[in-house]
Protein backbone atom coordinates (compact mmCIF):
# COMPACT_ATOMS: atom_id res chain seq x y z
CA MET A 1 -0.02 -0.06 0.04
CA ILE A 2 1.13 3.49 -0.79
CA ARG A 3 -0.25 6.87 0.45
CA TYR A 4 -0.12 9.94 -1.74
CA ALA A 5 -0.96 13.47 -0.71
CA LEU A 6 -3.35 14.80 -3.45
CA LYS A 7 -4.79 18.09 -4.56
CA CYS A 8 -7.51 19.24 -6.96
CA GLU A 9 -7.29 21.96 -9.40
CA ILE A 10 -8.48 24.50 -6.95
CA ASN A 11 -5.84 23.37 -4.36
CA HIS A 12 -8.05 21.33 -1.94
CA GLN A 13 -5.59 18.98 -0.21
CA PHE A 14 -6.30 15.43 0.83
CA ASP A 15 -4.72 12.08 0.89
CA SER A 16 -5.42 8.58 -0.10
CA TRP A 17 -4.04 5.01 0.00
CA PHE A 18 -3.50 2.96 -3.29
CA GLN A 19 -2.52 -0.74 -3.69
CA SER A 20 0.33 0.50 -5.79
CA ALA A 21 1.73 3.38 -7.92
CA ASP A 22 0.25 1.70 -10.95
CA ALA A 23 -3.14 1.32 -9.22
CA PHE A 24 -3.08 5.31 -8.70
CA ASP A 25 -2.02 5.81 -12.34
CA LYS A 26 -4.81 3.66 -13.63
CA LEU A 27 -7.51 5.34 -11.43
CA LEU A 28 -6.18 8.81 -12.35
CA ALA A 29 -6.29 7.97 -16.16
CA SER A 30 -9.89 6.34 -15.86
CA GLY A 31 -11.10 9.47 -14.13
CA MET A 32 -12.11 7.63 -10.93
CA LEU A 33 -10.34 9.96 -8.69
CA SER A 34 -12.13 12.93 -7.38
CA CYS A 35 -11.73 15.59 -4.72
CA PRO A 36 -13.77 14.95 -1.68
CA ASP A 37 -14.54 18.65 -1.10
CA CYS A 38 -15.52 19.83 -4.67
CA GLY A 39 -15.97 16.71 -6.67
CA SER A 40 -13.36 17.86 -9.27
CA ASP A 41 -11.68 15.02 -11.08
CA ASP A 42 -8.77 17.16 -11.97
CA VAL A 43 -6.50 15.59 -9.33
CA SER A 44 -2.83 15.44 -9.10
CA LYS A 45 -0.11 14.43 -6.52
CA ALA A 46 0.88 17.09 -4.07
CA ILE A 47 4.41 17.68 -2.75
CA MET A 48 4.92 15.18 0.23
CA ALA A 49 7.80 14.64 2.57
CA PRO A 50 8.78 10.94 2.64
CA ARG A 51 9.00 9.10 5.86
CA VAL A 52 12.42 7.57 5.92
CA GLN A 53 13.91 5.47 8.57
CA GLY A 54 17.45 6.45 9.77
CA LYS A 55 20.13 3.86 9.61
CA GLY A 56 20.31 1.78 12.90
CA LYS A 57 17.18 3.41 14.36
CA SER A 58 14.35 1.16 15.24
CA GLU A 59 11.78 3.88 14.85
CA SER A 60 11.80 7.20 13.28
CA PRO A 61 10.01 10.22 15.02
CA ALA A 62 6.70 11.38 13.50
CA PRO A 63 6.93 14.26 11.28
CA SER A 64 5.79 17.55 12.80
CA ASN A 65 2.74 17.79 10.55
CA THR A 66 1.35 14.58 11.76
CA VAL A 67 -2.22 14.72 12.80
CA PRO A 68 -2.93 13.62 16.47
CA MET A 69 -5.05 10.36 16.53
CA HIS A 70 -7.87 12.30 18.50
CA ALA A 71 -8.12 14.68 15.66
CA LEU A 72 -9.29 12.05 13.27
CA THR A 73 -12.66 12.00 14.82
CA ALA A 74 -13.04 15.75 14.19
CA PRO A 75 -14.62 17.04 10.96
CA SER A 76 -11.76 17.84 8.49
CA SER A 77 -13.96 20.50 6.53
CA ALA A 78 -16.98 22.61 6.69
CA ALA A 79 -18.82 20.28 4.50
CA GLU A 80 -18.03 17.29 6.80
CA ALA A 81 -19.28 19.38 9.91
CA ALA A 82 -22.53 20.09 8.15
CA LEU A 83 -23.08 16.46 7.35
CA LYS A 84 -22.35 15.29 10.85
CA GLU A 85 -24.73 17.97 12.24
CA LEU A 86 -27.56 16.88 9.60
CA LYS A 87 -27.10 13.30 10.69
CA ARG A 88 -27.20 14.40 14.54
CA LYS A 89 -30.57 16.31 13.86
CA ILE A 90 -32.08 13.47 11.79
CA GLU A 91 -31.30 11.02 14.42
CA LYS A 92 -32.66 13.17 17.10
CA HIS A 93 -35.85 14.28 15.59
CA SER A 94 -36.78 11.37 13.42
CA GLU A 95 -37.70 7.58 13.94
CA TYR A 96 -35.45 4.91 12.47
CA VAL A 97 -37.66 2.21 10.91
CA GLY A 98 -34.89 0.25 9.23
CA LYS A 99 -35.78 -1.94 6.26
CA GLU A 100 -39.49 -1.16 6.74
CA PHE A 101 -38.92 2.42 5.45
CA ALA A 102 -40.83 2.04 2.10
CA ALA A 103 -43.83 0.42 3.66
CA GLU A 104 -43.94 2.87 6.58
CA ALA A 105 -43.45 5.93 4.26
CA ARG A 106 -46.32 4.71 2.05
CA LYS A 107 -48.51 4.17 5.18
CA ILE A 108 -47.98 7.75 6.40
CA HIS A 109 -48.43 9.20 2.86
CA ASP A 110 -51.82 7.26 2.60
CA GLY A 111 -52.91 8.21 6.12
CA ASP A 112 -52.73 4.67 7.44
CA ALA A 113 -50.00 5.59 10.08
CA PRO A 114 -49.43 8.71 12.17
CA GLU A 115 -47.52 11.44 10.39
CA ARG A 116 -43.92 11.83 11.64
CA SER A 117 -40.54 12.11 10.44
CA ILE A 118 -38.80 8.69 9.65
CA TYR A 119 -35.76 7.54 8.14
CA GLY A 120 -34.49 4.09 7.08
CA GLU A 121 -33.43 1.83 4.29
CA ALA A 122 -34.97 1.13 0.99
CA SER A 123 -33.67 -0.53 -2.08
CA SER A 124 -33.44 1.66 -5.39
CA ASP A 125 -36.49 -0.02 -6.82
CA GLU A 126 -38.59 0.73 -3.61
CA ALA A 127 -37.30 4.34 -3.53
CA ARG A 128 -38.16 4.79 -7.24
CA GLN A 129 -41.66 3.56 -6.65
CA LEU A 130 -42.19 5.82 -3.83
CA VAL A 131 -41.11 8.81 -5.88
CA GLU A 132 -43.19 7.70 -8.87
CA ASP A 133 -46.27 7.56 -6.56
CA GLY A 134 -45.71 11.04 -5.18
CA VAL A 135 -44.44 10.02 -1.79
CA PRO A 136 -41.92 12.67 -0.68
CA VAL A 137 -38.49 10.93 0.05
CA ALA A 138 -34.95 11.77 -0.24
CA PRO A 139 -31.65 9.82 0.02
CA LEU A 140 -29.58 10.67 3.09
CA PRO A 141 -25.89 11.20 2.87
CA PHE A 142 -24.89 8.85 5.69
CA ILE A 143 -24.80 5.25 6.56
CA PRO A 144 -27.77 3.79 8.57
CA PRO A 145 -26.74 3.26 12.24
CA ARG A 146 -26.98 -0.57 12.01
CA LYS A 147 -24.36 -0.62 9.26
CA ALA A 148 -22.05 2.05 10.69
CA ASN A 149 -19.85 -0.29 12.73
């Protein structure tokens, strides 16, 4: 595995792991790499200091720009912070109905169940059918709680 520091055309910085240098080149050539902040597929390698172990040393010191482990749970961008807040609000103010989402959304829409905010899981066919039938639904940009761990 190899880790590259990357940047997009408007200089958003991010890094990612690749199976090999060839794997990176193939993904880049196929347009499969994109910036997590803006979605641009104009991605290139950024300048990165290599981690080199000194001769006779069992462990090299961490570079000064290393992110502390506790910082990995903090949002890395305003977009990530906004998504985290959206997830928190949805989980606080809505009922998780799991795989029964499509049936429960239809019951609420038809007046057969009390009106309330729900979220859950639906197949693409179930979601498409709900939209076609005029049931107001939208995909959420996070993993359901039962699949998060």
